[in-house]
Amino acid sequence: MKERFIAAACNTRSEKEKGNEIITLIFNNSFWTALKENNQHLQPLLIANIILQRDSLYLDHVYPMFSYLYNYFNTLKG
């Protein structure tokens, strides 16, 4: 399957090498594990960003959000 994909999608040698790198990456489980872990670390930042960009933001929303982020990332260190 891998060879058929590369043969169908690539014309030059450099394209074939790049296609081979991409396919190797797709079948690499550690890549997907690292991507999932990065996504889990970015999720709290996304939520904080959405909350802190609201038009009706008050100071009493800012402090708990930074406190939450500090505690979340502090637990990752230990």
C-alpha atoms as a PDB file:
ATOM      1  CA  MET A   1       0.000   0.000   0.000  1.00  0.00           C
ATOM      2  CA  LYS A   2       2.780   2.402   0.937  1.00  0.00           C
ATOM      3  CA  GLU A   3       4.584   1.880  -2.371  1.00  0.00           C
ATOM      4  CA  ARG A   4       1.364   2.340  -4.399  1.00  0.00           C
ATOM      5  CA  PHE A   5       0.622   5.618  -2.627  1.00  0.00           C
ATOM      6  CA  ILE A   6       4.114   6.969  -3.253  1.00  0.00           C
ATOM      7  CA  ALA A   7       4.066   5.856  -6.896  1.00  0.00           C
ATOM      8  CA  ALA A   8       0.675   7.491  -7.492  1.00  0.00           C
ATOM      9  CA  ALA A   9       1.346  10.759  -5.680  1.00  0.00           C
ATOM     10  CA  CYS A  10       4.996  11.461  -6.425  1.00  0.00           C
ATOM     11  CA  ASN A  11       6.841  12.182  -9.652  1.00  0.00           C
ATOM     12  CA  THR A  12      10.374  13.145  -8.696  1.00  0.00           C
ATOM     13  CA  ARG A  13      12.823  11.443  -6.385  1.00  0.00           C
ATOM     14  CA  SER A  14      12.614  14.231  -3.793  1.00  0.00           C
ATOM     15  CA  GLU A  15       8.804  13.951  -3.764  1.00  0.00           C
ATOM     16  CA  LYS A  16       9.090  10.201  -3.252  1.00  0.00           C
ATOM     17  CA  GLU A  17      11.486  10.710  -0.343  1.00  0.00           C
ATOM     18  CA  LYS A  18       9.165  13.288   1.214  1.00  0.00           C
ATOM     19  CA  GLY A  19       6.174  10.966   0.696  1.00  0.00           C
ATOM     20  CA  ASN A  20       8.077   8.162   2.376  1.00  0.00           C
ATOM     21  CA  GLU A  21       8.870  10.434   5.357  1.00  0.00           C
ATOM     22  CA  ILE A  22       5.212  11.409   5.679  1.00  0.00           C
ATOM     23  CA  ILE A  23       3.987   7.821   5.546  1.00  0.00           C
ATOM     24  CA  THR A  24       6.589   6.769   8.113  1.00  0.00           C
ATOM     25  CA  LEU A  25       5.387   9.572  10.381  1.00  0.00           C
ATOM     26  CA  ILE A  26       1.745   8.540   9.946  1.00  0.00           C
ATOM     27  CA  PHE A  27       2.502   4.996  11.099  1.00  0.00           C
ATOM     28  CA  ASN A  28       4.695   6.150  13.998  1.00  0.00           C
ATOM     29  CA  ASN A  29       2.757   5.641  17.247  1.00  0.00           C
ATOM     30  CA  SER A  30       5.054   7.869  19.300  1.00  0.00           C
ATOM     31  CA  PHE A  31       4.186  10.817  17.041  1.00  0.00           C
ATOM     32  CA  TRP A  32       0.476  10.417  17.748  1.00  0.00           C
ATOM     33  CA  THR A  33       1.093   9.934  21.471  1.00  0.00           C
ATOM     34  CA  ALA A  34       3.152  13.128  21.620  1.00  0.00           C
ATOM     35  CA  LEU A  35       0.517  14.988  19.607  1.00  0.00           C
ATOM     36  CA  LYS A  36      -2.213  13.877  22.015  1.00  0.00           C
ATOM     37  CA  GLU A  37      -0.109  14.931  25.004  1.00  0.00           C
ATOM     38  CA  ASN A  38       0.528  18.358  23.462  1.00  0.00           C
ATOM     39  CA  ASN A  39      -3.179  18.736  22.797  1.00  0.00           C
ATOM     40  CA  GLN A  40      -3.935  17.994  26.448  1.00  0.00           C
ATOM     41  CA  HIS A  41      -1.464  20.698  27.523  1.00  0.00           C
ATOM     42  CA  LEU A  42      -2.953  23.265  25.149  1.00  0.00           C
ATOM     43  CA  GLN A  43      -6.579  22.629  26.133  1.00  0.00           C
ATOM     44  CA  PRO A  44      -6.472  24.686  29.392  1.00  0.00           C
ATOM     45  CA  LEU A  45      -4.811  27.548  27.516  1.00  0.00           C
ATOM     46  CA  LEU A  46      -7.572  27.479  24.913  1.00  0.00           C
ATOM     47  CA  ILE A  47     -10.265  27.621  27.577  1.00  0.00           C
ATOM     48  CA  ALA A  48      -8.495  30.472  29.374  1.00  0.00           C
ATOM     49  CA  ASN A  49      -8.090  32.347  26.109  1.00  0.00           C
ATOM     50  CA  ILE A  50     -11.795  32.064  25.305  1.00  0.00           C
ATOM     51  CA  ILE A  51     -12.807  33.221  28.780  1.00  0.00           C
ATOM     52  CA  LEU A  52     -10.330  36.093  28.962  1.00  0.00           C
ATOM     53  CA  GLN A  53     -11.303  37.502  25.545  1.00  0.00           C
ATOM     54  CA  ARG A  54     -14.965  37.970  26.363  1.00  0.00           C
ATOM     55  CA  ASP A  55     -16.418  41.469  26.109  1.00  0.00           C
ATOM     56  CA  SER A  56     -18.046  41.163  29.519  1.00  0.00           C
ATOM     57  CA  LEU A  57     -14.818  40.244  31.328  1.00  0.00           C
ATOM     58  CA  TYR A  58     -14.399  41.418  34.914  1.00  0.00           C
ATOM     59  CA  LEU A  59     -11.360  41.271  37.135  1.00  0.00           C
ATOM     60  CA  ASP A  60     -12.952  38.575  39.251  1.00  0.00           C
ATOM     61  CA  HIS A  61     -12.782  36.285  36.184  1.00  0.00           C
ATOM     62  CA  VAL A  62      -9.097  36.950  35.526  1.00  0.00           C
ATOM     63  CA  TYR A  63      -7.624  35.931  38.871  1.00  0.00           C
ATOM     64  CA  PRO A  64      -9.322  32.502  39.108  1.00  0.00           C
ATOM     65  CA  MET A  65      -8.317  31.719  35.521  1.00  0.00           C
ATOM     66  CA  PHE A  66      -4.651  32.506  36.133  1.00  0.00           C
ATOM     67  CA  SER A  67      -4.829  30.597  39.395  1.00  0.00           C
ATOM     68  CA  TYR A  68      -6.269  27.587  37.556  1.00  0.00           C
ATOM     69  CA  LEU A  69      -3.542  27.763  34.890  1.00  0.00           C
ATOM     70  CA  TYR A  70      -0.805  28.126  37.496  1.00  0.00           C
ATOM     71  CA  ASN A  71      -2.065  25.114  39.447  1.00  0.00           C
ATOM     72  CA  TYR A  72      -2.566  23.023  36.304  1.00  0.00           C
ATOM     73  CA  PHE A  73       0.924  23.570  34.948  1.00  0.00           C
ATOM     74  CA  ASN A  74       2.500  23.385  38.398  1.00  0.00           C
ATOM     75  CA  THR A  75       1.150  19.851  38.850  1.00  0.00           C
ATOM     76  CA  LEU A  76       2.750  18.815  35.560  1.00  0.00           C
ATOM     77  CA  LYS A  77       6.221  19.580  36.909  1.00  0.00           C
ATOM     78  CA  GLY A  78       5.943  17.299  39.906  1.00  0.00           C
END
